[in-house]
């Protein structure tokens, strides 16, 4: 049981996954900072923020109080997700797929061997050919 766990932990996939989680966490902080400092103010240009800093549509509830739908948070989250997805795709996935395609192409050209020679004829086939050739020469 412990041997199986040790094999599982020592696989390269676990290390890759751990690195991805750490890098993803660090990258999330950068994306959050960009969204909070650039995207959110840009969205605020189109929506008026209330006293708490939330922006969105404000509606009166049944008691006469203002209720703000924080659409800005939703827009920021969507933009943040799209930014992370775009960076992951263009920085990691696309180059890795290109690299894998090139490696496969190299393997394909390197693995190509010259066309196979036809299998050597058996002894019986050779004797039949010799007999036929002798018969043709005898007719001439």
N, C-alpha and C. Protein backbone atom coordinates (compact mmCIF):
# COMPACT_ATOMS: atom_id res chain seq x y z
N UNK A 1 0.83 -1.19 0.00
CA UNK A 1 0.00 0.00 0.00
C UNK A 1 0.87 1.25 0.00
N UNK A 2 1.89 1.30 0.83
CA UNK A 2 2.76 2.47 0.87
C UNK A 2 3.59 2.60 -0.39
N UNK A 3 3.94 1.47 -1.01
CA UNK A 3 4.70 1.52 -2.25
C UNK A 3 3.87 2.20 -3.34
N UNK A 4 2.59 1.86 -3.41
CA UNK A 4 1.72 2.49 -4.39
C UNK A 4 1.60 3.99 -4.17
N UNK A 5 1.49 4.39 -2.89
CA UNK A 5 1.42 5.82 -2.57
C UNK A 5 2.72 6.51 -2.96
N UNK A 6 3.85 5.87 -2.67
CA UNK A 6 5.16 6.44 -3.01
C UNK A 6 5.27 6.61 -4.54
N UNK A 7 4.84 5.61 -5.29
CA UNK A 7 4.88 5.70 -6.76
C UNK A 7 3.99 6.85 -7.25
N UNK A 8 2.83 7.00 -6.61
CA UNK A 8 1.89 8.06 -6.97
C UNK A 8 2.52 9.44 -6.73
N UNK A 9 3.14 9.62 -5.59
CA UNK A 9 3.73 10.91 -5.23
C UNK A 9 4.93 11.23 -6.11
N UNK A 10 5.70 10.24 -6.47
CA UNK A 10 6.93 10.49 -7.22
C UNK A 10 6.71 10.61 -8.73
N UNK A 11 5.49 10.46 -9.17
CA UNK A 11 5.21 10.66 -10.59
C UNK A 11 5.46 12.12 -10.94
N UNK A 12 5.82 12.35 -12.17
CA UNK A 12 6.04 13.72 -12.63
C UNK A 12 4.77 14.54 -12.65
N UNK A 13 3.63 13.89 -12.83
CA UNK A 13 2.37 14.62 -12.92
C UNK A 13 2.05 15.36 -11.63
N UNK A 14 2.36 14.77 -10.49
CA UNK A 14 2.06 15.41 -9.21
C UNK A 14 2.90 16.66 -9.04
N UNK A 15 4.17 16.59 -9.40
CA UNK A 15 5.04 17.75 -9.29
C UNK A 15 4.55 18.85 -10.23
N UNK A 16 4.20 18.48 -11.47
CA UNK A 16 3.69 19.46 -12.42
C UNK A 16 2.43 20.13 -11.90
N UNK A 17 1.55 19.33 -11.31
CA UNK A 17 0.31 19.87 -10.77
C UNK A 17 0.59 20.83 -9.62
N UNK A 18 1.50 20.47 -8.75
CA UNK A 18 1.85 21.35 -7.62
C UNK A 18 2.41 22.67 -8.12
N UNK A 19 3.29 22.61 -9.10
CA UNK A 19 3.86 23.84 -9.67
C UNK A 19 2.75 24.68 -10.30
N UNK A 20 1.84 24.04 -11.02
CA UNK A 20 0.74 24.77 -11.65
C UNK A 20 -0.14 25.48 -10.63
N UNK A 21 -0.41 24.82 -9.51
CA UNK A 21 -1.25 25.44 -8.47
C UNK A 21 -0.54 26.66 -7.88
N UNK A 22 0.74 26.52 -7.59
CA UNK A 22 1.49 27.64 -7.01
C UNK A 22 1.57 28.81 -7.99
N UNK A 23 1.90 28.53 -9.23
CA UNK A 23 1.99 29.58 -10.24
C UNK A 23 0.60 30.20 -10.47
N UNK A 24 -0.42 29.36 -10.51
CA UNK A 24 -1.78 29.87 -10.69
C UNK A 24 -2.21 30.80 -9.57
N UNK A 25 -1.84 30.45 -8.35
CA UNK A 25 -2.17 31.30 -7.20
C UNK A 25 -1.45 32.63 -7.30
N UNK A 26 -0.18 32.59 -7.65
CA UNK A 26 0.58 33.84 -7.79
C UNK A 26 0.03 34.67 -8.94
N UNK A 27 -0.32 34.03 -10.02
CA UNK A 27 -0.84 34.75 -11.18
C UNK A 27 -2.21 35.35 -10.88
N UNK A 28 -3.00 34.68 -10.06
CA UNK A 28 -4.31 35.21 -9.68
C UNK A 28 -4.17 36.55 -8.98
N UNK A 29 -3.16 36.68 -8.14
CA UNK A 29 -2.94 37.96 -7.46
C UNK A 29 -2.65 39.07 -8.47
N UNK A 30 -1.89 38.75 -9.51
CA UNK A 30 -1.59 39.75 -10.53
C UNK A 30 -2.85 40.13 -11.29
N UNK A 31 -3.62 39.13 -11.69
CA UNK A 31 -4.84 39.41 -12.45
C UNK A 31 -5.83 40.20 -11.60
N UNK A 32 -5.96 39.85 -10.33
CA UNK A 32 -6.86 40.59 -9.43
C UNK A 32 -6.43 42.05 -9.32
N UNK A 33 -5.13 42.28 -9.21
CA UNK A 33 -4.63 43.66 -9.13
C UNK A 33 -4.93 44.42 -10.41
N UNK A 34 -4.75 43.79 -11.56
CA UNK A 34 -5.05 44.45 -12.83
C UNK A 34 -6.54 44.76 -12.94
N UNK A 35 -7.37 43.80 -12.57
CA UNK A 35 -8.81 44.03 -12.64
C UNK A 35 -9.23 45.14 -11.70
N UNK A 36 -8.72 45.11 -10.45
CA UNK A 36 -9.12 46.13 -9.48
C UNK A 36 -8.60 47.52 -9.82
N UNK A 37 -7.41 47.60 -10.43
CA UNK A 37 -6.83 48.91 -10.68
C UNK A 37 -7.15 49.46 -12.07
N UNK A 38 -7.50 48.61 -13.03
CA UNK A 38 -7.75 49.10 -14.38
C UNK A 38 -9.18 48.80 -14.84
N UNK A 39 -9.59 47.56 -14.76
CA UNK A 39 -10.89 47.17 -15.32
C UNK A 39 -12.05 47.73 -14.52
N UNK A 40 -11.99 47.60 -13.21
CA UNK A 40 -13.09 48.09 -12.37
C UNK A 40 -13.31 49.59 -12.55
N UNK A 41 -12.27 50.43 -12.56
CA UNK A 41 -12.52 51.85 -12.82
C UNK A 41 -13.09 52.11 -14.21
N UNK A 42 -12.68 51.31 -15.21
CA UNK A 42 -13.25 51.48 -16.55
C UNK A 42 -14.73 51.15 -16.55
N UNK A 43 -15.12 50.09 -15.86
CA UNK A 43 -16.54 49.74 -15.77
C UNK A 43 -17.29 50.81 -14.98
N UNK A 44 -16.64 51.40 -13.98
CA UNK A 44 -17.27 52.44 -13.17
C UNK A 44 -17.56 53.69 -13.98
N UNK A 45 -16.89 53.85 -15.12
CA UNK A 45 -17.20 54.99 -15.98
C UNK A 45 -18.63 54.92 -16.51
N UNK A 46 -19.15 53.70 -16.65
CA UNK A 46 -20.48 53.51 -17.21
C UNK A 46 -21.56 53.30 -16.16
N UNK A 47 -21.16 52.96 -14.94
CA UNK A 47 -22.11 52.75 -13.85
C UNK A 47 -21.70 53.63 -12.69
N UNK A 48 -22.70 54.20 -12.01
CA UNK A 48 -22.41 55.07 -10.88
C UNK A 48 -22.27 54.22 -9.62
N UNK A 49 -21.17 54.42 -8.89
CA UNK A 49 -20.93 53.67 -7.66
C UNK A 49 -21.74 54.26 -6.52
N UNK A 50 -22.22 53.40 -5.63
CA UNK A 50 -22.94 53.90 -4.46
C UNK A 50 -21.94 54.20 -3.33
N UNK A 51 -22.42 54.44 -2.14
CA UNK A 51 -21.56 54.83 -1.02
C UNK A 51 -20.58 53.73 -0.63
N UNK A 52 -20.92 52.47 -0.87
CA UNK A 52 -20.03 51.38 -0.49
C UNK A 52 -19.00 51.08 -1.58
N UNK A 53 -19.08 51.81 -2.69
CA UNK A 53 -18.14 51.58 -3.77
C UNK A 53 -18.64 50.58 -4.79
N UNK A 54 -19.81 49.99 -4.54
CA UNK A 54 -20.38 49.05 -5.50
C UNK A 54 -21.10 49.85 -6.58
N UNK A 55 -21.01 49.36 -7.78
CA UNK A 55 -21.74 50.02 -8.84
C UNK A 55 -22.62 49.00 -9.53
N UNK A 56 -23.68 49.51 -10.09
CA UNK A 56 -24.65 48.65 -10.74
C UNK A 56 -26.00 49.35 -10.73
N UNK A 57 -27.04 48.59 -10.98
CA UNK A 57 -28.37 49.17 -11.00
C UNK A 57 -28.90 49.27 -9.58
N UNK A 58 -29.50 50.40 -9.29
CA UNK A 58 -30.09 50.61 -7.97
C UNK A 58 -31.61 50.61 -8.10
N UNK A 59 -32.23 49.85 -7.21
CA UNK A 59 -33.69 49.71 -7.23
C UNK A 59 -34.19 49.92 -5.80
N UNK A 60 -35.36 50.49 -5.66
CA UNK A 60 -35.97 50.66 -4.33
C UNK A 60 -36.66 49.36 -3.94
N UNK A 61 -36.44 48.93 -2.70
CA UNK A 61 -37.14 47.73 -2.25
C UNK A 61 -38.50 48.11 -1.69
N UNK A 62 -39.24 47.15 -1.14
CA UNK A 62 -40.61 47.43 -0.68
C UNK A 62 -40.64 48.35 0.54
N UNK A 63 -39.51 48.54 1.20
CA UNK A 63 -39.44 49.42 2.37
C UNK A 63 -38.94 50.81 2.00
N UNK A 64 -38.61 51.01 0.71
CA UNK A 64 -38.15 52.31 0.26
C UNK A 64 -36.64 52.47 0.29
N UNK A 65 -35.92 51.43 0.71
CA UNK A 65 -34.46 51.51 0.75
C UNK A 65 -33.89 51.19 -0.64
N UNK A 66 -32.70 51.73 -0.88
CA UNK A 66 -32.03 51.44 -2.15
C UNK A 66 -31.32 50.09 -2.07
N UNK A 67 -31.48 49.31 -3.13
CA UNK A 67 -30.78 48.03 -3.26
C UNK A 67 -29.97 48.11 -4.55
N UNK A 68 -28.67 47.89 -4.41
CA UNK A 68 -27.79 47.95 -5.58
C UNK A 68 -27.42 46.53 -6.01
N UNK A 69 -27.63 46.25 -7.26
CA UNK A 69 -27.17 45.00 -7.83
C UNK A 69 -25.72 45.21 -8.27
N UNK A 70 -24.78 44.56 -7.59
CA UNK A 70 -23.37 44.84 -7.88
C UNK A 70 -22.89 44.19 -9.18
N UNK A 71 -23.38 44.73 -10.28
CA UNK A 71 -23.04 44.18 -11.59
C UNK A 71 -21.55 44.38 -11.88
N UNK A 72 -20.96 45.37 -11.27
CA UNK A 72 -19.53 45.62 -11.46
C UNK A 72 -18.68 44.45 -11.00
N UNK A 73 -19.07 43.83 -9.87
CA UNK A 73 -18.34 42.66 -9.38
C UNK A 73 -18.44 41.50 -10.38
N UNK A 74 -19.62 41.33 -10.95
CA UNK A 74 -19.81 40.27 -11.94
C UNK A 74 -18.97 40.53 -13.18
N UNK A 75 -19.01 41.75 -13.67
CA UNK A 75 -18.22 42.09 -14.86
C UNK A 75 -16.74 41.92 -14.58
N UNK A 76 -16.30 42.35 -13.41
CA UNK A 76 -14.88 42.19 -13.04
C UNK A 76 -14.49 40.72 -12.97
N UNK A 77 -15.37 39.89 -12.40
CA UNK A 77 -15.08 38.45 -12.30
C UNK A 77 -15.01 37.82 -13.69
N UNK A 78 -15.92 38.19 -14.57
CA UNK A 78 -15.91 37.64 -15.93
C UNK A 78 -14.65 38.06 -16.67
N UNK A 79 -14.30 39.32 -16.56
CA UNK A 79 -13.08 39.81 -17.23
C UNK A 79 -11.85 39.14 -16.64
N UNK A 80 -11.84 38.98 -15.33
CA UNK A 80 -10.72 38.30 -14.68
C UNK A 80 -10.58 36.87 -15.18
N UNK A 81 -11.70 36.15 -15.25
CA UNK A 81 -11.67 34.78 -15.76
C UNK A 81 -11.17 34.73 -17.20
N UNK A 82 -11.69 35.62 -18.05
CA UNK A 82 -11.27 35.63 -19.45
C UNK A 82 -9.79 35.98 -19.58
N UNK A 83 -9.31 36.89 -18.71
CA UNK A 83 -7.89 37.24 -18.76
C UNK A 83 -7.03 36.05 -18.36
N UNK A 84 -7.41 35.36 -17.30
CA UNK A 84 -6.64 34.19 -16.87
C UNK A 84 -6.70 33.10 -17.95
N UNK A 85 -7.88 32.85 -18.49
CA UNK A 85 -8.02 31.82 -19.52
C UNK A 85 -7.19 32.16 -20.76
N UNK A 86 -7.19 33.42 -21.16
CA UNK A 86 -6.42 33.83 -22.34
C UNK A 86 -4.93 33.66 -22.10
N UNK A 87 -4.47 34.07 -20.94
CA UNK A 87 -3.03 33.94 -20.64
C UNK A 87 -2.64 32.48 -20.56
N UNK A 88 -3.43 31.67 -19.89
CA UNK A 88 -3.12 30.24 -19.79
C UNK A 88 -3.07 29.62 -21.19
N UNK A 89 -4.04 29.98 -22.04
CA UNK A 89 -4.06 29.40 -23.38
C UNK A 89 -2.87 29.85 -24.22
N UNK A 90 -2.66 31.19 -24.29
CA UNK A 90 -1.63 31.71 -25.19
C UNK A 90 -0.21 31.54 -24.66
N UNK A 91 -0.05 31.47 -23.34
CA UNK A 91 1.30 31.34 -22.78
C UNK A 91 1.67 29.89 -22.53
N UNK A 92 0.71 29.05 -22.19
CA UNK A 92 1.03 27.67 -21.84
C UNK A 92 0.53 26.65 -22.85
N UNK A 93 -0.78 26.66 -23.13
CA UNK A 93 -1.38 25.59 -23.93
C UNK A 93 -0.93 25.65 -25.39
N UNK A 94 -1.06 26.81 -26.02
CA UNK A 94 -0.71 26.93 -27.44
C UNK A 94 0.76 26.61 -27.70
N UNK A 95 1.71 27.19 -26.94
CA UNK A 95 3.11 26.81 -27.18
C UNK A 95 3.38 25.33 -26.92
N UNK A 96 2.75 24.75 -25.91
CA UNK A 96 2.98 23.34 -25.63
C UNK A 96 2.42 22.46 -26.75
N UNK A 97 1.25 22.81 -27.27
CA UNK A 97 0.69 22.05 -28.39
C UNK A 97 1.57 22.17 -29.63
N UNK A 98 2.09 23.38 -29.88
CA UNK A 98 3.00 23.58 -31.01
C UNK A 98 4.26 22.76 -30.83
N UNK A 99 4.80 22.78 -29.62
CA UNK A 99 6.00 22.01 -29.32
C UNK A 99 5.75 20.51 -29.53
N UNK A 100 4.63 20.02 -29.01
CA UNK A 100 4.31 18.60 -29.16
C UNK A 100 4.14 18.23 -30.64
N UNK A 101 3.50 19.11 -31.42
CA UNK A 101 3.32 18.84 -32.84
C UNK A 101 4.67 18.76 -33.55
N UNK A 102 5.60 19.65 -33.19
CA UNK A 102 6.93 19.62 -33.80
C UNK A 102 7.68 18.35 -33.42
N UNK A 103 7.57 17.96 -32.15
CA UNK A 103 8.24 16.74 -31.71
C UNK A 103 7.67 15.54 -32.46
N UNK A 104 6.35 15.48 -32.59
CA UNK A 104 5.72 14.37 -33.31
C UNK A 104 6.13 14.38 -34.78
N UNK A 105 6.25 15.57 -35.36
CA UNK A 105 6.66 15.65 -36.77
C UNK A 105 8.09 15.15 -36.93
N UNK A 106 8.95 15.50 -35.98
CA UNK A 106 10.33 15.01 -36.04
C UNK A 106 10.37 13.50 -35.87
N UNK A 107 9.58 12.99 -34.95
CA UNK A 107 9.53 11.54 -34.76
C UNK A 107 9.04 10.87 -36.03
N UNK A 108 8.07 11.48 -36.68
CA UNK A 108 7.52 10.91 -37.90
C UNK A 108 8.55 10.85 -39.01
N UNK A 109 9.36 11.93 -39.18
CA UNK A 109 10.36 11.92 -40.24
C UNK A 109 11.54 11.06 -39.86
N UNK A 110 11.90 11.05 -38.59
CA UNK A 110 13.04 10.24 -38.16
C UNK A 110 12.68 8.76 -38.17
N UNK A 111 11.43 8.47 -37.89
CA UNK A 111 11.02 7.07 -37.81
C UNK A 111 10.77 6.48 -39.19
N UNK A 112 10.61 7.37 -40.18
CA UNK A 112 10.36 6.84 -41.52
C UNK A 112 11.60 6.10 -42.00
N UNK A 113 11.40 4.90 -42.40
CA UNK A 113 12.48 4.09 -42.92
C UNK A 113 12.26 3.96 -44.42
N UNK A 114 13.29 3.64 -45.13
CA UNK A 114 13.09 3.44 -46.56
C UNK A 114 12.02 2.37 -46.79
N UNK A 115 11.43 2.44 -47.97
CA UNK A 115 10.37 1.49 -48.29
C UNK A 115 10.88 0.07 -48.08
N UNK A 116 10.03 -0.72 -47.50
CA UNK A 116 10.42 -2.09 -47.20
C UNK A 116 10.62 -2.89 -48.48
N UNK A 117 11.65 -3.66 -48.47
CA UNK A 117 11.90 -4.57 -49.60
C UNK A 117 10.85 -5.67 -49.51
N UNK A 118 10.43 -6.15 -50.63
CA UNK A 118 9.49 -7.26 -50.56
C UNK A 118 10.15 -8.46 -49.87
N UNK A 119 9.35 -9.22 -49.22
CA UNK A 119 9.89 -10.38 -48.50
C UNK A 119 10.58 -11.31 -49.50
N UNK A 120 11.67 -11.91 -49.07
CA UNK A 120 12.42 -12.82 -49.94
C UNK A 120 11.53 -13.99 -50.35
N UNK A 121 11.68 -14.35 -51.58
CA UNK A 121 10.87 -15.45 -52.09
C UNK A 121 11.30 -16.75 -51.44
N UNK A 122 10.35 -17.62 -51.29
CA UNK A 122 10.67 -18.93 -50.71
C UNK A 122 11.39 -19.78 -51.75
N UNK A 123 11.95 -20.86 -51.30
CA UNK A 123 12.69 -21.77 -52.19
C UNK A 123 11.79 -22.33 -53.27
N UNK A 124 10.57 -22.65 -52.93
CA UNK A 124 9.63 -23.22 -53.90
C UNK A 124 9.30 -22.18 -54.97
N UNK A 125 9.10 -20.91 -54.56
CA UNK A 125 8.79 -19.86 -55.52
C UNK A 125 9.95 -19.64 -56.48
N UNK A 126 11.18 -19.65 -55.95
CA UNK A 126 12.35 -19.49 -56.81
C UNK A 126 12.47 -20.63 -57.81
N UNK A 127 12.22 -21.86 -57.39
CA UNK A 127 12.29 -23.00 -58.30
C UNK A 127 11.24 -22.90 -59.40
N UNK A 128 10.04 -22.40 -59.05
CA UNK A 128 8.98 -22.23 -60.05
C UNK A 128 9.41 -21.18 -61.06
N UNK A 129 10.01 -20.08 -60.61
CA UNK A 129 10.47 -19.03 -61.53
C UNK A 129 11.56 -19.57 -62.46
N UNK A 130 12.49 -20.32 -61.92
CA UNK A 130 13.58 -20.89 -62.74
C UNK A 130 13.00 -21.83 -63.79
N UNK A 131 12.05 -22.66 -63.40
CA UNK A 131 11.43 -23.59 -64.33
C UNK A 131 10.74 -22.83 -65.46
N UNK A 132 10.00 -21.74 -65.09
CA UNK A 132 9.29 -20.97 -66.10
C UNK A 132 10.28 -20.30 -67.07
N UNK A 133 11.38 -19.75 -66.54
CA UNK A 133 12.38 -19.10 -67.39
C UNK A 133 13.04 -20.13 -68.33
N UNK A 134 13.34 -21.31 -67.82
CA UNK A 134 13.93 -22.35 -68.66
C UNK A 134 12.95 -22.77 -69.75
N UNK A 135 11.69 -22.83 -69.41
CA UNK A 135 10.67 -23.21 -70.40
C UNK A 135 10.59 -22.16 -71.49
N UNK A 136 10.65 -20.87 -71.13
CA UNK A 136 10.58 -19.79 -72.11
C UNK A 136 11.79 -19.83 -73.02
N UNK A 137 12.98 -20.07 -72.45
CA UNK A 137 14.20 -20.12 -73.25
C UNK A 137 14.19 -21.32 -74.19
N UNK A 138 13.61 -22.42 -73.79
CA UNK A 138 13.57 -23.63 -74.62
C UNK A 138 12.68 -23.41 -75.84
N UNK A 139 11.64 -22.62 -75.72
CA UNK A 139 10.70 -22.34 -76.82
C UNK A 139 11.33 -21.46 -77.87
N UNK A 140 12.32 -20.71 -77.57
CA UNK A 140 12.91 -19.77 -78.52
C UNK A 140 13.78 -20.44 -79.47
